[in-house]
Amino acid sequence: MHISKLLNFLKDPHSQKIQQHKKRYQELDELLKVAVDIKDAAAFKSIQAEMREVFFEYLTALGVDSLYKFSPHLVLACLISLKFETVTIPLFNWQVSTVFAYLSMYFLFHLVLKPLVRLIMTILAKVARDNFQVNN
């Protein structure tokens, strides 16, 4: 039982902290709406200041989590570059650094391909749902 908790923590150590900040921010947002409804300026300012603090803690946790997830890729790219210093792009016959090529593919995957796959899956799920409703 303890080993599985340890493995989950090592897999994503900052997820709990991020979720806590997110939940706290949502609670403060609801309190802020109540403060606006009752027209309490002092409560509004106090809650707004605490929301700002929680928001920056949330951003810090996200930044640390991003570095935690990115650093193994940087180490791997450096290790690959020890064996292969440059990579040739066949279409243009360009030689680029292995680290640059690896990190470019990493960002291309996360910024372009992942959202594209999500979009395609959403469209396919919608089509399947519509077909299921028509058939029934």
N, C-alpha and C. Protein backbone atom coordinates (compact mmCIF):
# COMPACT_ATOMS: atom_id res chain seq x y z
N MET A 1 0.83 -1.19 0.00
CA MET A 1 0.00 0.00 0.00
C MET A 1 0.88 1.26 0.00
N HIS A 2 1.93 1.25 0.82
CA HIS A 2 2.81 2.41 0.90
C HIS A 2 3.62 2.59 -0.37
N ILE A 3 3.97 1.49 -1.01
CA ILE A 3 4.76 1.57 -2.24
C ILE A 3 3.93 2.20 -3.35
N SER A 4 2.65 1.85 -3.45
CA SER A 4 1.80 2.44 -4.49
C SER A 4 1.62 3.94 -4.26
N LYS A 5 1.50 4.36 -3.00
CA LYS A 5 1.39 5.80 -2.69
C LYS A 5 2.68 6.51 -3.08
N LEU A 6 3.81 5.88 -2.79
CA LEU A 6 5.10 6.47 -3.14
C LEU A 6 5.25 6.59 -4.65
N LEU A 7 4.86 5.56 -5.39
CA LEU A 7 4.95 5.60 -6.85
C LEU A 7 4.02 6.67 -7.42
N ASN A 8 2.81 6.80 -6.88
CA ASN A 8 1.90 7.85 -7.34
C ASN A 8 2.47 9.23 -7.05
N PHE A 9 3.11 9.38 -5.89
CA PHE A 9 3.71 10.67 -5.55
C PHE A 9 4.87 10.99 -6.49
N LEU A 10 5.71 10.00 -6.78
CA LEU A 10 6.84 10.24 -7.68
C LEU A 10 6.38 10.51 -9.10
N LYS A 11 5.26 9.90 -9.49
CA LYS A 11 4.73 10.12 -10.83
C LYS A 11 4.25 11.56 -10.99
N ASP A 12 3.56 12.07 -10.00
CA ASP A 12 3.00 13.43 -10.07
C ASP A 12 2.99 14.05 -8.67
N PRO A 13 4.14 14.52 -8.19
CA PRO A 13 4.23 14.98 -6.81
C PRO A 13 3.49 16.29 -6.51
N HIS A 14 3.20 17.06 -7.51
CA HIS A 14 2.61 18.37 -7.27
C HIS A 14 1.11 18.42 -7.52
N SER A 15 0.52 17.31 -7.93
CA SER A 15 -0.89 17.32 -8.32
C SER A 15 -1.80 17.66 -7.14
N GLN A 16 -1.50 17.13 -5.95
CA GLN A 16 -2.33 17.43 -4.80
C GLN A 16 -2.28 18.91 -4.44
N LYS A 17 -1.09 19.48 -4.47
CA LYS A 17 -0.95 20.89 -4.14
C LYS A 17 -1.68 21.76 -5.17
N ILE A 18 -1.57 21.39 -6.44
CA ILE A 18 -2.25 22.14 -7.50
C ILE A 18 -3.76 22.06 -7.31
N GLN A 19 -4.26 20.86 -7.01
CA GLN A 19 -5.70 20.70 -6.80
C GLN A 19 -6.18 21.46 -5.57
N GLN A 20 -5.37 21.50 -4.51
CA GLN A 20 -5.74 22.26 -3.32
C GLN A 20 -5.84 23.75 -3.63
N HIS A 21 -4.87 24.27 -4.37
CA HIS A 21 -4.91 25.69 -4.73
C HIS A 21 -6.10 26.00 -5.63
N LYS A 22 -6.38 25.10 -6.56
CA LYS A 22 -7.52 25.29 -7.45
C LYS A 22 -8.83 25.30 -6.67
N LYS A 23 -8.98 24.35 -5.77
CA LYS A 23 -10.18 24.26 -4.95
C LYS A 23 -10.33 25.49 -4.06
N ARG A 24 -9.25 25.91 -3.45
CA ARG A 24 -9.29 27.10 -2.58
C ARG A 24 -9.64 28.34 -3.39
N TYR A 25 -9.12 28.46 -4.60
CA TYR A 25 -9.42 29.61 -5.45
C TYR A 25 -10.91 29.62 -5.81
N GLN A 26 -11.47 28.45 -6.10
CA GLN A 26 -12.90 28.37 -6.42
C GLN A 26 -13.75 28.75 -5.21
N GLU A 27 -13.34 28.31 -4.01
CA GLU A 27 -14.06 28.69 -2.79
C GLU A 27 -14.03 30.20 -2.59
N LEU A 28 -12.85 30.78 -2.79
CA LEU A 28 -12.72 32.23 -2.63
C LEU A 28 -13.54 32.97 -3.68
N ASP A 29 -13.63 32.42 -4.88
CA ASP A 29 -14.44 33.04 -5.92
C ASP A 29 -15.91 33.07 -5.52
N GLU A 30 -16.39 31.98 -4.93
CA GLU A 30 -17.77 31.95 -4.45
C GLU A 30 -17.98 32.96 -3.32
N LEU A 31 -17.01 33.04 -2.41
CA LEU A 31 -17.11 34.03 -1.32
C LEU A 31 -17.09 35.45 -1.88
N LEU A 32 -16.33 35.67 -2.92
CA LEU A 32 -16.27 36.98 -3.54
C LEU A 32 -17.63 37.36 -4.13
N LYS A 33 -18.29 36.40 -4.73
CA LYS A 33 -19.63 36.66 -5.27
C LYS A 33 -20.61 37.02 -4.15
N VAL A 34 -20.49 36.34 -3.02
CA VAL A 34 -21.35 36.66 -1.87
C VAL A 34 -21.05 38.06 -1.36
N ALA A 35 -19.77 38.41 -1.30
CA ALA A 35 -19.38 39.75 -0.84
C ALA A 35 -19.93 40.82 -1.77
N VAL A 36 -19.96 40.54 -3.06
CA VAL A 36 -20.52 41.49 -4.02
C VAL A 36 -22.03 41.60 -3.82
N ASP A 37 -22.68 40.45 -3.59
CA ASP A 37 -24.13 40.45 -3.40
C ASP A 37 -24.55 41.24 -2.16
N ILE A 38 -23.77 41.11 -1.09
CA ILE A 38 -24.14 41.84 0.14
C ILE A 38 -23.50 43.23 0.19
N LYS A 39 -22.75 43.56 -0.82
CA LYS A 39 -22.11 44.88 -0.97
C LYS A 39 -21.20 45.23 0.21
N ASP A 40 -20.34 44.27 0.58
CA ASP A 40 -19.38 44.47 1.65
C ASP A 40 -18.00 44.74 1.03
N ALA A 41 -17.62 46.00 0.99
CA ALA A 41 -16.38 46.40 0.33
C ALA A 41 -15.15 45.86 1.05
N ALA A 42 -15.16 45.87 2.39
CA ALA A 42 -14.00 45.38 3.14
C ALA A 42 -13.78 43.89 2.90
N ALA A 43 -14.87 43.12 2.92
CA ALA A 43 -14.76 41.67 2.65
C ALA A 43 -14.29 41.44 1.22
N PHE A 44 -14.80 42.24 0.29
CA PHE A 44 -14.41 42.12 -1.11
C PHE A 44 -12.91 42.31 -1.28
N LYS A 45 -12.37 43.37 -0.67
CA LYS A 45 -10.92 43.64 -0.78
C LYS A 45 -10.10 42.55 -0.12
N SER A 46 -10.55 42.08 1.02
CA SER A 46 -9.82 41.02 1.74
C SER A 46 -9.80 39.73 0.94
N ILE A 47 -10.96 39.35 0.42
CA ILE A 47 -11.04 38.12 -0.35
C ILE A 47 -10.25 38.24 -1.65
N GLN A 48 -10.31 39.41 -2.26
CA GLN A 48 -9.56 39.63 -3.50
C GLN A 48 -8.06 39.51 -3.26
N ALA A 49 -7.57 40.05 -2.14
CA ALA A 49 -6.15 39.94 -1.81
C ALA A 49 -5.75 38.48 -1.59
N GLU A 50 -6.60 37.73 -0.89
CA GLU A 50 -6.29 36.32 -0.66
C GLU A 50 -6.36 35.53 -1.96
N MET A 51 -7.31 35.88 -2.84
CA MET A 51 -7.39 35.21 -4.15
C MET A 51 -6.12 35.43 -4.95
N ARG A 52 -5.60 36.65 -4.90
CA ARG A 52 -4.37 36.96 -5.63
C ARG A 52 -3.22 36.10 -5.10
N GLU A 53 -3.14 35.97 -3.78
CA GLU A 53 -2.08 35.17 -3.16
C GLU A 53 -2.20 33.70 -3.55
N VAL A 54 -3.43 33.16 -3.48
CA VAL A 54 -3.66 31.77 -3.84
C VAL A 54 -3.36 31.54 -5.32
N PHE A 55 -3.73 32.51 -6.17
CA PHE A 55 -3.48 32.39 -7.59
C PHE A 55 -1.98 32.30 -7.88
N PHE A 56 -1.17 33.15 -7.22
CA PHE A 56 0.27 33.10 -7.47
C PHE A 56 0.90 31.83 -6.90
N GLU A 57 0.37 31.31 -5.80
CA GLU A 57 0.84 30.02 -5.30
C GLU A 57 0.49 28.91 -6.29
N TYR A 58 -0.68 29.00 -6.89
CA TYR A 58 -1.12 28.04 -7.91
C TYR A 58 -0.19 28.10 -9.12
N LEU A 59 0.11 29.31 -9.59
CA LEU A 59 1.02 29.45 -10.73
C LEU A 59 2.41 28.92 -10.41
N THR A 60 2.87 29.15 -9.19
CA THR A 60 4.18 28.64 -8.78
C THR A 60 4.18 27.11 -8.79
N ALA A 61 3.13 26.51 -8.26
CA ALA A 61 3.04 25.05 -8.25
C ALA A 61 2.99 24.50 -9.67
N LEU A 62 2.27 25.18 -10.57
CA LEU A 62 2.23 24.75 -11.97
C LEU A 62 3.61 24.85 -12.62
N GLY A 63 4.32 25.93 -12.33
CA GLY A 63 5.67 26.11 -12.88
C GLY A 63 6.62 25.03 -12.41
N VAL A 64 6.58 24.74 -11.12
CA VAL A 64 7.45 23.69 -10.57
C VAL A 64 7.08 22.33 -11.17
N ASP A 65 5.79 22.08 -11.31
CA ASP A 65 5.34 20.83 -11.90
C ASP A 65 5.80 20.71 -13.35
N SER A 66 5.74 21.81 -14.08
CA SER A 66 6.20 21.80 -15.48
C SER A 66 7.69 21.50 -15.57
N LEU A 67 8.47 22.12 -14.70
CA LEU A 67 9.91 21.83 -14.68
C LEU A 67 10.17 20.38 -14.32
N TYR A 68 9.40 19.85 -13.38
CA TYR A 68 9.56 18.46 -12.96
C TYR A 68 9.30 17.51 -14.12
N LYS A 69 8.30 17.83 -14.94
CA LYS A 69 7.96 16.97 -16.07
C LYS A 69 8.89 17.19 -17.26
N PHE A 70 9.48 18.37 -17.38
CA PHE A 70 10.33 18.69 -18.53
C PHE A 70 11.78 18.25 -18.33
N SER A 71 12.27 18.27 -17.11
CA SER A 71 13.68 18.00 -16.86
C SER A 71 14.15 16.62 -17.33
N PRO A 72 13.38 15.54 -17.19
CA PRO A 72 13.86 14.25 -17.74
C PRO A 72 14.08 14.30 -19.25
N HIS A 73 13.25 15.06 -19.95
CA HIS A 73 13.42 15.17 -21.40
C HIS A 73 14.70 15.92 -21.76
N LEU A 74 15.01 16.93 -20.98
CA LEU A 74 16.24 17.68 -21.22
C LEU A 74 17.46 16.79 -20.97
N VAL A 75 17.41 16.01 -19.89
CA VAL A 75 18.52 15.09 -19.59
C VAL A 75 18.65 14.05 -20.70
N LEU A 76 17.53 13.50 -21.15
CA LEU A 76 17.56 12.50 -22.21
C LEU A 76 18.12 13.09 -23.50
N ALA A 77 17.72 14.31 -23.82
CA ALA A 77 18.23 14.95 -25.04
C ALA A 77 19.74 15.15 -24.94
N CYS A 78 20.22 15.54 -23.79
CA CYS A 78 21.66 15.72 -23.61
C CYS A 78 22.41 14.38 -23.73
N LEU A 79 21.83 13.33 -23.17
CA LEU A 79 22.47 12.02 -23.27
C LEU A 79 22.49 11.52 -24.71
N ILE A 80 21.43 11.74 -25.45
CA ILE A 80 21.41 11.34 -26.87
C ILE A 80 22.44 12.14 -27.65
N SER A 81 22.58 13.42 -27.30
CA SER A 81 23.53 14.27 -28.04
C SER A 81 24.98 13.87 -27.80
N LEU A 82 25.25 13.12 -26.74
CA LEU A 82 26.61 12.62 -26.54
C LEU A 82 26.99 11.63 -27.64
N LYS A 83 26.02 10.85 -28.09
CA LYS A 83 26.27 9.87 -29.15
C LYS A 83 26.11 10.48 -30.54
N PHE A 84 25.03 11.25 -30.73
CA PHE A 84 24.74 11.87 -32.02
C PHE A 84 24.69 13.39 -31.82
N GLU A 85 25.69 14.09 -32.31
CA GLU A 85 25.74 15.53 -32.10
C GLU A 85 24.75 16.29 -32.96
N THR A 86 24.57 15.85 -34.20
CA THR A 86 23.64 16.54 -35.09
C THR A 86 22.70 15.52 -35.75
N VAL A 87 21.58 16.05 -36.19
CA VAL A 87 20.59 15.25 -36.92
C VAL A 87 20.34 15.97 -38.23
N THR A 88 20.26 15.22 -39.30
CA THR A 88 19.99 15.81 -40.61
C THR A 88 18.50 15.71 -40.92
N ILE A 89 17.91 16.84 -41.27
CA ILE A 89 16.51 16.86 -41.69
C ILE A 89 16.51 16.59 -43.20
N PRO A 90 15.99 15.44 -43.62
CA PRO A 90 16.15 14.99 -45.01
C PRO A 90 15.52 15.92 -46.05
N LEU A 91 14.37 16.46 -45.77
CA LEU A 91 13.67 17.26 -46.76
C LEU A 91 14.46 18.51 -47.15
N PHE A 92 15.10 19.14 -46.19
CA PHE A 92 15.83 20.38 -46.44
C PHE A 92 17.35 20.19 -46.41
N ASN A 93 17.80 18.99 -46.02
CA ASN A 93 19.21 18.68 -45.87
C ASN A 93 19.89 19.63 -44.87
N TRP A 94 19.17 19.94 -43.79
CA TRP A 94 19.72 20.78 -42.72
C TRP A 94 20.28 19.89 -41.63
N GLN A 95 21.36 20.35 -41.04
CA GLN A 95 21.89 19.66 -39.87
C GLN A 95 21.60 20.52 -38.65
N VAL A 96 20.91 19.92 -37.68
CA VAL A 96 20.56 20.64 -36.45
C VAL A 96 21.05 19.84 -35.25
N SER A 97 21.20 20.54 -34.16
CA SER A 97 21.62 19.90 -32.92
C SER A 97 20.59 18.87 -32.47
N THR A 98 21.04 17.79 -31.90
CA THR A 98 20.15 16.75 -31.42
C THR A 98 19.26 17.27 -30.29
N VAL A 99 19.83 18.08 -29.41
CA VAL A 99 19.05 18.65 -28.31
C VAL A 99 17.94 19.52 -28.88
N PHE A 100 18.26 20.35 -29.86
CA PHE A 100 17.26 21.22 -30.48
C PHE A 100 16.18 20.39 -31.17
N ALA A 101 16.57 19.36 -31.89
CA ALA A 101 15.61 18.52 -32.60
C ALA A 101 14.69 17.80 -31.62
N TYR A 102 15.26 17.25 -30.56
CA TYR A 102 14.46 16.52 -29.56
C TYR A 102 13.47 17.46 -28.88
N LEU A 103 13.97 18.61 -28.42
CA LEU A 103 13.09 19.54 -27.72
C LEU A 103 12.05 20.14 -28.64
N SER A 104 12.40 20.35 -29.90
CA SER A 104 11.41 20.84 -30.87
C SER A 104 10.30 19.83 -31.07
N MET A 105 10.65 18.56 -31.18
CA MET A 105 9.64 17.52 -31.34
C MET A 105 8.79 17.39 -30.07
N TYR A 106 9.41 17.56 -28.92
CA TYR A 106 8.67 17.52 -27.64
C TYR A 106 7.61 18.61 -27.61
N PHE A 107 8.01 19.84 -27.93
CA PHE A 107 7.05 20.95 -27.89
C PHE A 107 6.03 20.83 -29.01
N LEU A 108 6.43 20.35 -30.17
CA LEU A 108 5.49 20.14 -31.26
C LEU A 108 4.42 19.14 -30.86
N PHE A 109 4.84 18.07 -30.20
CA PHE A 109 3.90 17.06 -29.75
C PHE A 109 2.92 17.64 -28.75
N HIS A 110 3.42 18.36 -27.73
CA HIS A 110 2.56 18.85 -26.66
C HIS A 110 1.72 20.06 -27.06
N LEU A 111 2.20 20.87 -27.97
CA LEU A 111 1.47 22.09 -28.33
C LEU A 111 0.59 21.93 -29.57
N VAL A 112 0.92 20.97 -30.44
CA VAL A 112 0.15 20.83 -31.68
C VAL A 112 -0.55 19.47 -31.76
N LEU A 113 0.20 18.41 -31.65
CA LEU A 113 -0.37 17.09 -31.90
C LEU A 113 -1.34 16.65 -30.82
N LYS A 114 -1.03 16.88 -29.55
CA LYS A 114 -1.94 16.47 -28.48
C LYS A 114 -3.29 17.18 -28.59
N PRO A 115 -3.32 18.52 -28.75
CA PRO A 115 -4.63 19.18 -28.93
C PRO A 115 -5.36 18.72 -30.18
N LEU A 116 -4.62 18.45 -31.24
CA LEU A 116 -5.23 17.97 -32.47
C LEU A 116 -5.87 16.60 -32.26
N VAL A 117 -5.20 15.72 -31.57
CA VAL A 117 -5.76 14.39 -31.28
C VAL A 117 -6.99 14.52 -30.40
N ARG A 118 -6.94 15.42 -29.39
CA ARG A 118 -8.12 15.64 -28.54
C ARG A 118 -9.30 16.14 -29.36
N LEU A 119 -9.05 17.06 -30.28
CA LEU A 119 -10.11 17.60 -31.13
C LEU A 119 -10.72 16.50 -31.99
N ILE A 120 -9.87 15.67 -32.59
CA ILE A 120 -10.36 14.58 -33.42
C ILE A 120 -11.17 13.59 -32.59
N MET A 121 -10.69 13.26 -31.39
CA MET A 121 -11.42 12.33 -30.52
C MET A 121 -12.77 12.91 -30.11
N THR A 122 -12.82 14.21 -29.85
CA THR A 122 -14.08 14.86 -29.49
C THR A 122 -15.07 14.79 -30.64
N ILE A 123 -14.60 15.07 -31.84
CA ILE A 123 -15.46 15.02 -33.02
C ILE A 123 -15.96 13.59 -33.25
N LEU A 124 -15.06 12.62 -33.14
CA LEU A 124 -15.47 11.23 -33.33
C LEU A 124 -16.47 10.79 -32.26
N ALA A 125 -16.28 11.22 -31.03
CA ALA A 125 -17.23 10.88 -29.97
C ALA A 125 -18.59 11.50 -30.23
N LYS A 126 -18.60 12.73 -30.73
CA LYS A 126 -19.86 13.39 -31.05
C LYS A 126 -20.57 12.67 -32.18
N VAL A 127 -19.83 12.29 -33.23
CA VAL A 127 -20.42 11.57 -34.35
C VAL A 127 -20.97 10.22 -33.88
N ALA A 128 -20.22 9.53 -33.05
CA ALA A 128 -20.68 8.24 -32.54
C ALA A 128 -21.93 8.41 -31.68
N ARG A 129 -21.97 9.44 -30.86
CA ARG A 129 -23.13 9.72 -30.02
C ARG A 129 -24.35 10.05 -30.88
N ASP A 130 -24.15 10.88 -31.93
CA ASP A 130 -25.25 11.22 -32.82
C ASP A 130 -25.77 10.00 -33.57
N ASN A 131 -24.85 9.15 -34.04
CA ASN A 131 -25.26 7.91 -34.73
C ASN A 131 -26.01 6.98 -33.80
N PHE A 132 -25.60 6.91 -32.56
CA PHE A 132 -26.26 6.06 -31.59
C PHE A 132 -27.68 6.56 -31.32
N GLN A 133 -27.87 7.87 -31.24
CA GLN A 133 -29.20 8.44 -30.99
C GLN A 133 -30.10 8.24 -32.20
N VAL A 134 -29.57 8.33 -33.39
CA VAL A 134 -30.36 8.14 -34.61
C VAL A 134 -30.82 6.69 -34.72
N ASN A 135 -29.92 5.76 -34.40
CA ASN A 135 -30.25 4.33 -34.53
C ASN A 135 -31.24 3.88 -33.48
N ASN A 136 -31.34 4.54 -32.36
CA ASN A 136 -32.27 4.10 -31.29
C ASN A 136 -33.56 4.79 -31.38
